[in-house]
Amino acid sequence: MTLVYKPAQKPEWPVIQQGPRVAIPRNRSKPMESEMKRCVVLPDMQIGYYRNRKGKMEPTHDEKAIDLALAITKEAKPDVVALVGDNLDLPELSKYRITPAYQQTTQEAIDRASLICAQIRAAAPHAEIIWLAGNHEERLPNHILDNARAAFGLRRGNVPDTWPVLSVPFLCRMEDYGVEYRPGYPASHIWLNNKIRIIHGSKVKSSGSTAHMYLANEKHSVIYGHIHRIELAYKTREDYDGPRTIMAASPGCLARLDGAVPSTKQGMDIDGRPLVSHENWQQGLAVVEYETTGKNRFTYESIPIFDGTASWRGQWFKV
């Protein structure tokens, strides 16, 4: 059998080839001239304690996560440090049933919260530090009203313009460290500029994104705490002058995630001490760059904490 070579039939369309060679033009874009400010957002710490089997105080906050947050705060050199609330847990003062392991721990928590005020001031010596009241801080005045109403609002003699002696800012010596306390949960807030504010928050959607609940109602961008989860979502709406995009974000928390914080999902052993049971919570913090003039632009940076490590702008932090 003789094989006969036949030339291949030419295609009826051009063969796909490389694209044309392009000379890359010089990048002429320049950074905008803008006086940006910086805010570090520190979410729910849940400072508190319980006694282990040896009677030793075990924290419900996460000391390593707090140390990481302080290290990043120092590196960031912020103009504002915003504490979104629930930095004190105060389980003894809650309306919920509490076991003996958590009793007589309030003073230890007050002492640690006083120290955190000093530590934040040391990390950000020139910053405005603002502590928003969360629902857990409100446990103290509510407990006084329910159990010792006559003691509500008592101040030191002849010093009427100071905090009541049984209040979070007085007990934690906030004035000593230049920390501004804003009571009145859930109404207290911080406006960074006219497009973004920080709140503790009162919305929780366990089965989905709490961020979308805020986006459905807010007219401006909002950073919130309360839920202990990292969330970030955006929504764009038509406005009279075109589209408007807003953001809703939660930085997470600085509390323990393993069931130590009293919650409705917490498990206890027969002596009332917490069992290891991981919550659907995430640790983290956030950094916001923002303008207070012009178009009031801002950027939001979420900084998650995983296994005692965190990264911010190419630098790793570990405690």
C-alpha atoms as a PDB file:
ATOM      1  CA  MET A   1       0.000   0.000   0.000  1.00  0.00           C
ATOM      2  CA  THR A   2       1.398   3.328  -1.047  1.00  0.00           C
ATOM      3  CA  LEU A   3       0.936   6.321   1.289  1.00  0.00           C
ATOM      4  CA  VAL A   4       0.367   9.583  -0.516  1.00  0.00           C
ATOM      5  CA  TYR A   5       1.180  12.844   1.266  1.00  0.00           C
ATOM      6  CA  LYS A   6      -1.509  15.467   0.980  1.00  0.00           C
ATOM      7  CA  PRO A   7      -0.859  19.001   2.237  1.00  0.00           C
ATOM      8  CA  ALA A   8      -3.136  20.097   5.099  1.00  0.00           C
ATOM      9  CA  GLN A   9      -6.051  22.244   4.156  1.00  0.00           C
ATOM     10  CA  LYS A  10      -5.570  25.888   5.153  1.00  0.00           C
ATOM     11  CA  PRO A  11      -8.079  27.290   7.696  1.00  0.00           C
ATOM     12  CA  GLU A  12     -10.723  29.651   6.461  1.00  0.00           C
ATOM     13  CA  TRP A  13      -9.997  32.120   9.334  1.00  0.00           C
ATOM     14  CA  PRO A  14      -6.759  33.523  10.833  1.00  0.00           C
ATOM     15  CA  VAL A  15      -4.903  31.326  13.303  1.00  0.00           C
ATOM     16  CA  ILE A  16      -4.906  32.622  16.915  1.00  0.00           C
ATOM     17  CA  GLN A  17      -1.611  34.357  17.589  1.00  0.00           C
ATOM     18  CA  GLN A  18       0.052  36.354  20.330  1.00  0.00           C
ATOM     19  CA  GLY A  19      -1.314  39.774  21.046  1.00  0.00           C
ATOM     20  CA  PRO A  20       0.658  42.805  19.877  1.00  0.00           C
ATOM     21  CA  ARG A  21       3.749  43.938  21.745  1.00  0.00           C
ATOM     22  CA  VAL A  22       2.902  46.976  23.885  1.00  0.00           C
ATOM     23  CA  ALA A  23       5.309  49.550  25.239  1.00  0.00           C
ATOM     24  CA  ILE A  24       4.264  50.123  28.854  1.00  0.00           C
ATOM     25  CA  PRO A  25       3.673  53.837  29.427  1.00  0.00           C
ATOM     26  CA  ARG A  26       5.059  55.549  32.477  1.00  0.00           C
ATOM     27  CA  ASN A  27       2.605  55.582  35.382  1.00  0.00           C
ATOM     28  CA  ARG A  28       1.648  59.213  35.867  1.00  0.00           C
ATOM     29  CA  SER A  29      -0.828  58.705  38.714  1.00  0.00           C
ATOM     30  CA  LYS A  30       0.094  60.382  41.986  1.00  0.00           C
ATOM     31  CA  PRO A  31      -1.155  59.968  45.543  1.00  0.00           C
ATOM     32  CA  MET A  32      -3.903  62.406  46.392  1.00  0.00           C
ATOM     33  CA  GLU A  33      -2.949  65.260  48.649  1.00  0.00           C
ATOM     34  CA  SER A  34      -5.138  64.577  51.641  1.00  0.00           C
ATOM     35  CA  GLU A  35      -4.720  64.840  55.390  1.00  0.00           C
ATOM     36  CA  MET A  36      -5.836  61.370  56.419  1.00  0.00           C
ATOM     37  CA  LYS A  37      -6.396  60.417  60.033  1.00  0.00           C
ATOM     38  CA  ARG A  38      -6.232  56.940  61.511  1.00  0.00           C
ATOM     39  CA  CYS A  39      -8.459  55.090  63.957  1.00  0.00           C
ATOM     40  CA  VAL A  40      -7.775  51.713  65.561  1.00  0.00           C
ATOM     41  CA  VAL A  41     -10.981  49.862  66.449  1.00  0.00           C
ATOM     42  CA  LEU A  42     -10.731  47.445  69.371  1.00  0.00           C
ATOM     43  CA  PRO A  43     -13.804  45.193  69.707  1.00  0.00           C
ATOM     44  CA  ASP A  44     -15.391  43.270  72.574  1.00  0.00           C
ATOM     45  CA  MET A  45     -12.761  42.091  75.078  1.00  0.00           C
ATOM     46  CA  GLN A  46     -15.201  40.595  77.627  1.00  0.00           C
ATOM     47  CA  ILE A  47     -12.717  41.126  80.466  1.00  0.00           C
ATOM     48  CA  GLY A  48     -13.634  38.744  83.266  1.00  0.00           C
ATOM     49  CA  TYR A  49     -12.576  35.683  85.234  1.00  0.00           C
ATOM     50  CA  TYR A  50     -13.668  32.351  86.644  1.00  0.00           C
ATOM     51  CA  ARG A  51     -11.943  30.063  89.150  1.00  0.00           C
ATOM     52  CA  ASN A  52     -10.480  26.801  87.941  1.00  0.00           C
ATOM     53  CA  ARG A  53     -10.323  23.608  90.024  1.00  0.00           C
ATOM     54  CA  LYS A  54      -7.272  24.875  91.893  1.00  0.00           C
ATOM     55  CA  GLY A  55      -9.003  28.139  92.750  1.00  0.00           C
ATOM     56  CA  LYS A  56      -6.846  30.153  90.340  1.00  0.00           C
ATOM     57  CA  MET A  57      -8.394  32.978  88.315  1.00  0.00           C
ATOM     58  CA  GLU A  58      -8.738  32.124  84.619  1.00  0.00           C
ATOM     59  CA  PRO A  59      -9.517  34.997  82.205  1.00  0.00           C
ATOM     60  CA  THR A  60     -12.499  35.018  79.863  1.00  0.00           C
ATOM     61  CA  HIS A  61     -10.719  37.622  77.733  1.00  0.00           C
ATOM     62  CA  ASP A  62      -7.782  36.507  75.581  1.00  0.00           C
ATOM     63  CA  GLU A  63      -4.552  38.034  76.870  1.00  0.00           C
ATOM     64  CA  LYS A  64      -2.598  37.086  73.727  1.00  0.00           C
ATOM     65  CA  ALA A  65      -5.184  38.647  71.425  1.00  0.00           C
ATOM     66  CA  ILE A  66      -5.188  41.825  73.530  1.00  0.00           C
ATOM     67  CA  ASP A  67      -1.381  41.977  73.461  1.00  0.00           C
ATOM     68  CA  LEU A  68      -1.447  41.640  69.663  1.00  0.00           C
ATOM     69  CA  ALA A  69      -4.017  44.419  69.415  1.00  0.00           C
ATOM     70  CA  LEU A  70      -1.876  46.669  71.611  1.00  0.00           C
ATOM     71  CA  ALA A  71       1.216  45.945  69.492  1.00  0.00           C
ATOM     72  CA  ILE A  72      -0.626  46.854  66.282  1.00  0.00           C
ATOM     73  CA  THR A  73      -2.073  49.944  67.957  1.00  0.00           C
ATOM     74  CA  LYS A  74       1.436  51.091  68.865  1.00  0.00           C
ATOM     75  CA  GLU A  75       2.643  50.455  65.313  1.00  0.00           C
ATOM     76  CA  ALA A  76      -0.335  52.264  63.755  1.00  0.00           C
ATOM     77  CA  LYS A  77       0.169  55.512  65.719  1.00  0.00           C
ATOM     78  CA  PRO A  78      -3.563  56.317  65.607  1.00  0.00           C
ATOM     79  CA  ASP A  79      -5.316  59.631  66.087  1.00  0.00           C
ATOM     80  CA  VAL A  80      -8.246  57.790  67.665  1.00  0.00           C
ATOM     81  CA  VAL A  81      -8.586  54.486  69.492  1.00  0.00           C
ATOM     82  CA  ALA A  82     -12.219  53.355  69.558  1.00  0.00           C
ATOM     83  CA  LEU A  83     -13.325  50.663  71.996  1.00  0.00           C
ATOM     84  CA  VAL A  84     -16.698  49.468  70.777  1.00  0.00           C
ATOM     85  CA  GLY A  85     -17.903  48.245  74.190  1.00  0.00           C
ATOM     86  CA  ASP A  86     -18.388  45.001  76.116  1.00  0.00           C
ATOM     87  CA  ASN A  87     -14.809  45.287  77.274  1.00  0.00           C
ATOM     88  CA  LEU A  88     -16.043  44.238  80.706  1.00  0.00           C
ATOM     89  CA  ASP A  89     -18.117  41.073  80.899  1.00  0.00           C
ATOM     90  CA  LEU A  90     -19.549  41.495  84.456  1.00  0.00           C
ATOM     91  CA  PRO A  91     -21.345  38.120  84.656  1.00  0.00           C
ATOM     92  CA  GLU A  92     -22.009  38.519  88.404  1.00  0.00           C
ATOM     93  CA  LEU A  93     -24.182  41.542  87.656  1.00  0.00           C
ATOM     94  CA  SER A  94     -26.200  40.002  84.841  1.00  0.00           C
ATOM     95  CA  LYS A  95     -29.815  38.885  84.967  1.00  0.00           C
ATOM     96  CA  TYR A  96     -28.775  35.379  83.925  1.00  0.00           C
ATOM     97  CA  ARG A  97     -27.990  32.457  86.230  1.00  0.00           C
ATOM     98  CA  ILE A  98     -24.303  32.309  87.098  1.00  0.00           C
ATOM     99  CA  THR A  99     -22.321  29.478  88.701  1.00  0.00           C
ATOM    100  CA  PRO A 100     -20.051  29.849  91.768  1.00  0.00           C
ATOM    101  CA  ALA A 101     -16.943  29.666  89.563  1.00  0.00           C
ATOM    102  CA  TYR A 102     -17.746  33.157  88.217  1.00  0.00           C
ATOM    103  CA  GLN A 103     -18.701  34.717  91.545  1.00  0.00           C
ATOM    104  CA  GLN A 104     -16.540  37.210  93.414  1.00  0.00           C
ATOM    105  CA  THR A 105     -14.544  37.977  90.267  1.00  0.00           C
ATOM    106  CA  THR A 106     -15.789  41.500  89.539  1.00  0.00           C
ATOM    107  CA  GLN A 107     -12.963  43.288  91.362  1.00  0.00           C
ATOM    108  CA  GLU A 108     -10.372  41.287  89.439  1.00  0.00           C
ATOM    109  CA  ALA A 109     -12.066  42.342  86.186  1.00  0.00           C
ATOM    110  CA  ILE A 110     -12.182  46.006  87.251  1.00  0.00           C
ATOM    111  CA  ASP A 111      -8.466  45.871  88.050  1.00  0.00           C
ATOM    112  CA  ARG A 112      -7.665  44.349  84.623  1.00  0.00           C
ATOM    113  CA  ALA A 113      -9.850  46.878  82.816  1.00  0.00           C
ATOM    114  CA  SER A 114      -8.028  49.704  84.626  1.00  0.00           C
ATOM    115  CA  LEU A 115      -4.757  48.236  83.426  1.00  0.00           C
ATOM    116  CA  ILE A 116      -6.020  48.017  79.832  1.00  0.00           C
ATOM    117  CA  CYS A 117      -6.770  51.762  79.934  1.00  0.00           C
ATOM    118  CA  ALA A 118      -3.171  52.411  80.970  1.00  0.00           C
ATOM    119  CA  GLN A 119      -1.835  49.999  78.332  1.00  0.00           C
ATOM    120  CA  ILE A 120      -3.792  51.640  75.519  1.00  0.00           C
ATOM    121  CA  ARG A 121      -2.588  55.068  76.626  1.00  0.00           C
ATOM    122  CA  ALA A 122       1.003  53.801  76.622  1.00  0.00           C
ATOM    123  CA  ALA A 123       0.536  52.322  73.118  1.00  0.00           C
ATOM    124  CA  ALA A 124      -1.116  55.481  71.750  1.00  0.00           C
ATOM    125  CA  PRO A 125       0.203  58.379  73.859  1.00  0.00           C
ATOM    126  CA  HIS A 126      -1.228  61.129  71.648  1.00  0.00           C
ATOM    127  CA  ALA A 127      -4.501  59.503  70.591  1.00  0.00           C
ATOM    128  CA  GLU A 128      -8.043  60.319  71.577  1.00  0.00           C
ATOM    129  CA  ILE A 129      -9.250  57.153  73.341  1.00  0.00           C
ATOM    130  CA  ILE A 130     -13.013  56.591  73.433  1.00  0.00           C
ATOM    131  CA  TRP A 131     -14.744  53.703  75.221  1.00  0.00           C
ATOM    132  CA  LEU A 132     -18.355  53.156  74.170  1.00  0.00           C
ATOM    133  CA  ALA A 133     -20.695  51.534  76.665  1.00  0.00           C
ATOM    134  CA  GLY A 134     -21.949  48.148  75.526  1.00  0.00           C
ATOM    135  CA  ASN A 135     -24.774  46.067  76.938  1.00  0.00           C
ATOM    136  CA  HIS A 136     -22.338  44.370  79.340  1.00  0.00           C
ATOM    137  CA  GLU A 137     -21.120  47.659  80.831  1.00  0.00           C
ATOM    138  CA  GLU A 138     -24.782  48.589  81.317  1.00  0.00           C
ATOM    139  CA  ARG A 139     -25.099  45.602  83.660  1.00  0.00           C
ATOM    140  CA  LEU A 140     -23.542  47.692  86.455  1.00  0.00           C
ATOM    141  CA  PRO A 141     -26.066  50.560  86.561  1.00  0.00           C
ATOM    142  CA  ASN A 142     -28.935  48.138  85.928  1.00  0.00           C
ATOM    143  CA  HIS A 143     -27.798  45.952  88.835  1.00  0.00           C
ATOM    144  CA  ILE A 144     -27.662  48.975  91.129  1.00  0.00           C
ATOM    145  CA  LEU A 145     -31.138  50.096  90.059  1.00  0.00           C
ATOM    146  CA  ASP A 146     -32.548  46.605  90.632  1.00  0.00           C
ATOM    147  CA  ASN A 147     -30.822  45.889  93.947  1.00  0.00           C
ATOM    148  CA  ALA A 148     -29.591  49.133  95.539  1.00  0.00           C
ATOM    149  CA  ARG A 149     -31.486  52.010  93.985  1.00  0.00           C
ATOM    150  CA  ALA A 150     -30.465  54.456  96.709  1.00  0.00           C
ATOM    151  CA  ALA A 151     -26.829  54.026  95.657  1.00  0.00           C
ATOM    152  CA  PHE A 152     -27.471  54.910  92.004  1.00  0.00           C
ATOM    153  CA  GLY A 153     -25.617  58.049  90.927  1.00  0.00           C
ATOM    154  CA  LEU A 154     -23.758  58.618  94.219  1.00  0.00           C
ATOM    155  CA  ARG A 155     -20.658  60.790  93.851  1.00  0.00           C
ATOM    156  CA  ARG A 156     -17.835  61.865  96.083  1.00  0.00           C
ATOM    157  CA  GLY A 157     -18.786  64.636  98.485  1.00  0.00           C
ATOM    158  CA  ASN A 158     -18.694  68.147  97.028  1.00  0.00           C
ATOM    159  CA  VAL A 159     -17.490  66.900  93.635  1.00  0.00           C
ATOM    160  CA  PRO A 160     -20.723  66.974  91.605  1.00  0.00           C
ATOM    161  CA  ASP A 161     -19.193  67.026  88.102  1.00  0.00           C
ATOM    162  CA  THR A 162     -17.442  63.664  88.313  1.00  0.00           C
ATOM    163  CA  TRP A 163     -18.523  60.130  87.525  1.00  0.00           C
ATOM    164  CA  PRO A 164     -20.621  58.258  90.118  1.00  0.00           C
ATOM    165  CA  VAL A 165     -18.395  56.138  92.344  1.00  0.00           C
ATOM    166  CA  LEU A 166     -20.208  52.962  91.271  1.00  0.00           C
ATOM    167  CA  SER A 167     -19.733  53.526  87.547  1.00  0.00           C
ATOM    168  CA  VAL A 168     -17.451  51.875  84.999  1.00  0.00           C
ATOM    169  CA  PRO A 169     -15.388  54.996  84.174  1.00  0.00           C
ATOM    170  CA  PHE A 170     -14.773  55.819  87.857  1.00  0.00           C
ATOM    171  CA  LEU A 171     -13.902  52.270  88.900  1.00  0.00           C
ATOM    172  CA  CYS A 172     -11.564  51.826  85.920  1.00  0.00           C
ATOM    173  CA  ARG A 173      -9.843  55.201  86.517  1.00  0.00           C
ATOM    174  CA  MET A 174     -10.479  56.329  82.955  1.00  0.00           C
ATOM    175  CA  GLU A 175      -9.853  59.991  83.724  1.00  0.00           C
ATOM    176  CA  ASP A 176      -6.378  59.097  85.016  1.00  0.00           C
ATOM    177  CA  TYR A 177      -5.433  57.829  81.544  1.00  0.00           C
ATOM    178  CA  GLY A 178      -7.361  60.283  79.398  1.00  0.00           C
ATOM    179  CA  VAL A 179      -9.966  57.759  78.303  1.00  0.00           C
ATOM    180  CA  GLU A 180     -13.352  59.217  77.347  1.00  0.00           C
ATOM    181  CA  TYR A 181     -16.300  57.056  78.358  1.00  0.00           C
ATOM    182  CA  ARG A 182     -19.555  57.419  76.434  1.00  0.00           C
ATOM    183  CA  PRO A 183     -22.450  55.850  78.347  1.00  0.00           C
ATOM    184  CA  GLY A 184     -25.968  55.255  77.123  1.00  0.00           C
ATOM    185  CA  TYR A 185     -26.027  51.953  75.265  1.00  0.00           C
ATOM    186  CA  PRO A 186     -27.318  51.528  72.594  1.00  0.00           C
ATOM    187  CA  ALA A 187     -27.376  55.238  71.717  1.00  0.00           C
ATOM    188  CA  SER A 188     -23.687  56.095  72.200  1.00  0.00           C
ATOM    189  CA  HIS A 189     -21.558  56.327  69.071  1.00  0.00           C
ATOM    190  CA  ILE A 190     -18.467  57.869  67.458  1.00  0.00           C
ATOM    191  CA  TRP A 191     -18.605  59.738  64.149  1.00  0.00           C
ATOM    192  CA  LEU A 192     -15.193  59.596  62.458  1.00  0.00           C
ATOM    193  CA  ASN A 193     -16.451  61.822  59.646  1.00  0.00           C
ATOM    194  CA  ASN A 194     -19.859  62.507  58.148  1.00  0.00           C
ATOM    195  CA  LYS A 195     -19.907  59.173  56.302  1.00  0.00           C
ATOM    196  CA  ILE A 196     -18.913  56.596  58.926  1.00  0.00           C
ATOM    197  CA  ARG A 197     -19.704  56.024  62.580  1.00  0.00           C
ATOM    198  CA  ILE A 198     -18.789  53.437  65.212  1.00  0.00           C
ATOM    199  CA  ILE A 199     -21.358  51.847  67.543  1.00  0.00           C
ATOM    200  CA  HIS A 200     -21.512  48.879  69.879  1.00  0.00           C
ATOM    201  CA  GLY A 201     -24.588  47.580  68.124  1.00  0.00           C
ATOM    202  CA  SER A 202     -27.776  45.838  69.168  1.00  0.00           C
ATOM    203  CA  LYS A 203     -28.520  43.669  66.127  1.00  0.00           C
ATOM    204  CA  VAL A 204     -27.679  39.971  65.948  1.00  0.00           C
ATOM    205  CA  LYS A 205     -28.508  37.563  63.154  1.00  0.00           C
ATOM    206  CA  SER A 206     -27.173  34.190  64.181  1.00  0.00           C
ATOM    207  CA  SER A 207     -28.216  32.416  60.992  1.00  0.00           C
ATOM    208  CA  GLY A 208     -26.675  34.917  58.602  1.00  0.00           C
ATOM    209  CA  SER A 209     -24.939  38.232  58.152  1.00  0.00           C
ATOM    210  CA  THR A 210     -25.723  40.896  60.720  1.00  0.00           C
ATOM    211  CA  ALA A 211     -24.015  43.345  58.344  1.00  0.00           C
ATOM    212  CA  HIS A 212     -26.954  43.148  55.930  1.00  0.00           C
ATOM    213  CA  MET A 213     -29.375  44.049  58.719  1.00  0.00           C
ATOM    214  CA  TYR A 214     -27.449  47.289  59.202  1.00  0.00           C
ATOM    215  CA  LEU A 215     -27.187  47.926  55.470  1.00  0.00           C
ATOM    216  CA  ALA A 216     -30.962  47.625  55.183  1.00  0.00           C
ATOM    217  CA  ASN A 217     -31.500  50.474  57.657  1.00  0.00           C
ATOM    218  CA  GLU A 218     -28.414  52.686  57.781  1.00  0.00           C
ATOM    219  CA  LYS A 219     -27.854  55.725  55.578  1.00  0.00           C
ATOM    220  CA  HIS A 220     -24.144  55.879  56.391  1.00  0.00           C
ATOM    221  CA  SER A 221     -21.394  53.335  56.839  1.00  0.00           C
ATOM    222  CA  VAL A 222     -21.179  51.737  60.272  1.00  0.00           C
ATOM    223  CA  ILE A 223     -18.655  49.718  62.276  1.00  0.00           C
ATOM    224  CA  TYR A 224     -20.227  47.657  65.046  1.00  0.00           C
ATOM    225  CA  GLY A 225     -19.350  45.089  67.708  1.00  0.00           C
ATOM    226  CA  HIS A 226     -21.598  42.924  69.900  1.00  0.00           C
ATOM    227  CA  ILE A 227     -21.672  39.814  67.674  1.00  0.00           C
ATOM    228  CA  HIS A 228     -18.029  38.667  68.114  1.00  0.00           C
ATOM    229  CA  ARG A 229     -17.809  37.733  64.434  1.00  0.00           C
ATOM    230  CA  ILE A 230     -15.819  39.245  61.584  1.00  0.00           C
ATOM    231  CA  GLU A 231     -18.175  40.605  58.945  1.00  0.00           C
ATOM    232  CA  LEU A 232     -17.880  43.026  56.045  1.00  0.00           C
ATOM    233  CA  ALA A 233     -20.507  43.914  53.464  1.00  0.00           C
ATOM    234  CA  TYR A 234     -21.339  46.759  51.087  1.00  0.00           C
ATOM    235  CA  LYS A 235     -24.530  48.015  49.496  1.00  0.00           C
ATOM    236  CA  THR A 236     -25.081  50.512  46.686  1.00  0.00           C
ATOM    237  CA  ARG A 237     -28.277  52.534  46.371  1.00  0.00           C
ATOM    238  CA  GLU A 238     -29.452  55.149  43.932  1.00  0.00           C
ATOM    239  CA  ASP A 239     -29.339  58.648  45.396  1.00  0.00           C
ATOM    240  CA  TYR A 240     -30.418  62.023  44.049  1.00  0.00           C
ATOM    241  CA  ASP A 241     -26.914  62.703  42.696  1.00  0.00           C
ATOM    242  CA  GLY A 242     -26.064  59.146  41.640  1.00  0.00           C
ATOM    243  CA  PRO A 243     -25.102  55.899  43.370  1.00  0.00           C
ATOM    244  CA  ARG A 244     -24.193  55.824  47.054  1.00  0.00           C
ATOM    245  CA  THR A 245     -22.245  52.905  48.517  1.00  0.00           C
ATOM    246  CA  ILE A 246     -22.218  52.235  52.243  1.00  0.00           C
ATOM    247  CA  MET A 247     -20.374  49.662  54.338  1.00  0.00           C
ATOM    248  CA  ALA A 248     -21.195  47.663  57.456  1.00  0.00           C
ATOM    249  CA  ALA A 249     -18.370  45.889  59.268  1.00  0.00           C
ATOM    250  CA  SER A 250     -17.625  44.042  62.497  1.00  0.00           C
ATOM    251  CA  PRO A 251     -13.956  43.600  63.514  1.00  0.00           C
ATOM    252  CA  GLY A 252     -14.666  40.471  65.617  1.00  0.00           C
ATOM    253  CA  CYS A 253     -13.665  40.292  69.286  1.00  0.00           C
ATOM    254  CA  LEU A 254     -10.698  40.016  71.664  1.00  0.00           C
ATOM    255  CA  ALA A 255     -12.365  37.467  73.938  1.00  0.00           C
ATOM    256  CA  ARG A 256     -11.682  33.773  74.272  1.00  0.00           C
ATOM    257  CA  LEU A 257     -13.461  31.607  71.712  1.00  0.00           C
ATOM    258  CA  ASP A 258     -13.432  28.280  73.565  1.00  0.00           C
ATOM    259  CA  GLY A 259     -16.525  28.607  75.740  1.00  0.00           C
ATOM    260  CA  ALA A 260     -15.005  30.510  78.690  1.00  0.00           C
ATOM    261  CA  VAL A 261     -17.228  33.564  78.148  1.00  0.00           C
ATOM    262  CA  PRO A 262     -20.696  32.958  79.640  1.00  0.00           C
ATOM    263  CA  SER A 263     -23.237  32.625  76.832  1.00  0.00           C
ATOM    264  CA  THR A 264     -26.413  30.772  75.926  1.00  0.00           C
ATOM    265  CA  LYS A 265     -24.335  28.132  74.136  1.00  0.00           C
ATOM    266  CA  GLN A 266     -21.881  27.595  76.971  1.00  0.00           C
ATOM    267  CA  GLY A 267     -21.477  24.141  78.503  1.00  0.00           C
ATOM    268  CA  MET A 268     -20.609  23.559  82.173  1.00  0.00           C
ATOM    269  CA  ASP A 269     -19.150  20.642  84.090  1.00  0.00           C
ATOM    270  CA  ILE A 270     -20.893  19.365  87.221  1.00  0.00           C
ATOM    271  CA  ASP A 271     -19.141  22.042  89.329  1.00  0.00           C
ATOM    272  CA  GLY A 272     -20.148  24.925  87.070  1.00  0.00           C
ATOM    273  CA  ARG A 273     -16.862  25.465  85.273  1.00  0.00           C
ATOM    274  CA  PRO A 274     -16.875  26.004  81.513  1.00  0.00           C
ATOM    275  CA  LEU A 275     -16.258  23.111  79.156  1.00  0.00           C
ATOM    276  CA  VAL A 276     -14.352  23.594  75.927  1.00  0.00           C
ATOM    277  CA  SER A 277     -16.964  24.427  73.318  1.00  0.00           C
ATOM    278  CA  HIS A 278     -15.897  26.722  70.499  1.00  0.00           C
ATOM    279  CA  GLU A 279     -18.255  29.522  69.537  1.00  0.00           C
ATOM    280  CA  ASN A 280     -18.819  30.796  66.007  1.00  0.00           C
ATOM    281  CA  TRP A 281     -16.748  33.839  66.894  1.00  0.00           C
ATOM    282  CA  GLN A 282     -13.563  35.264  65.383  1.00  0.00           C
ATOM    283  CA  GLN A 283     -10.848  37.430  66.894  1.00  0.00           C
ATOM    284  CA  GLY A 284      -9.640  40.598  65.250  1.00  0.00           C
ATOM    285  CA  LEU A 285      -9.450  44.376  65.172  1.00  0.00           C
ATOM    286  CA  ALA A 286      -9.622  47.047  62.480  1.00  0.00           C
ATOM    287  CA  VAL A 287      -7.801  50.138  61.248  1.00  0.00           C
ATOM    288  CA  VAL A 288      -9.679  52.965  59.532  1.00  0.00           C
ATOM    289  CA  GLU A 289      -8.024  55.721  57.483  1.00  0.00           C
ATOM    290  CA  TYR A 290     -10.385  58.653  57.046  1.00  0.00           C
ATOM    291  CA  GLU A 291     -10.715  62.273  55.978  1.00  0.00           C
ATOM    292  CA  THR A 292     -12.533  64.900  57.979  1.00  0.00           C
ATOM    293  CA  THR A 293     -12.636  67.377  55.090  1.00  0.00           C
ATOM    294  CA  GLY A 294     -13.385  67.285  51.386  1.00  0.00           C
ATOM    295  CA  LYS A 295     -15.280  64.176  50.345  1.00  0.00           C
ATOM    296  CA  ASN A 296     -14.781  62.473  53.716  1.00  0.00           C
ATOM    297  CA  ARG A 297     -13.275  59.366  52.159  1.00  0.00           C
ATOM    298  CA  PHE A 298     -12.303  56.383  54.282  1.00  0.00           C
ATOM    299  CA  THR A 299     -10.815  52.921  53.986  1.00  0.00           C
ATOM    300  CA  TYR A 300     -11.449  49.999  56.309  1.00  0.00           C
ATOM    301  CA  GLU A 301      -8.823  47.343  57.052  1.00  0.00           C
ATOM    302  CA  SER A 302      -9.907  44.162  58.825  1.00  0.00           C
ATOM    303  CA  ILE A 303      -7.104  42.493  60.812  1.00  0.00           C
ATOM    304  CA  PRO A 304      -8.090  38.946  61.795  1.00  0.00           C
ATOM    305  CA  ILE A 305      -6.180  37.147  64.532  1.00  0.00           C
ATOM    306  CA  PHE A 306      -5.501  33.448  63.971  1.00  0.00           C
ATOM    307  CA  ASP A 307      -3.689  31.211  66.460  1.00  0.00           C
ATOM    308  CA  GLY A 308      -2.072  34.142  68.224  1.00  0.00           C
ATOM    309  CA  THR A 309      -0.771  35.836  65.070  1.00  0.00           C
ATOM    310  CA  ALA A 310      -1.905  38.771  62.943  1.00  0.00           C
ATOM    311  CA  SER A 311      -0.593  40.659  59.926  1.00  0.00           C
ATOM    312  CA  TRP A 312      -0.919  44.361  59.168  1.00  0.00           C
ATOM    313  CA  ARG A 313       0.586  45.994  56.089  1.00  0.00           C
ATOM    314  CA  GLY A 314       3.136  43.278  55.478  1.00  0.00           C
ATOM    315  CA  GLN A 315       4.318  42.998  59.083  1.00  0.00           C
ATOM    316  CA  TRP A 316       3.536  39.925  61.169  1.00  0.00           C
ATOM    317  CA  PHE A 317       2.784  40.188  64.869  1.00  0.00           C
ATOM    318  CA  LYS A 318       2.986  37.304  67.319  1.00  0.00           C
ATOM    319  CA  VAL A 319       2.864  37.106  71.094  1.00  0.00           C
END
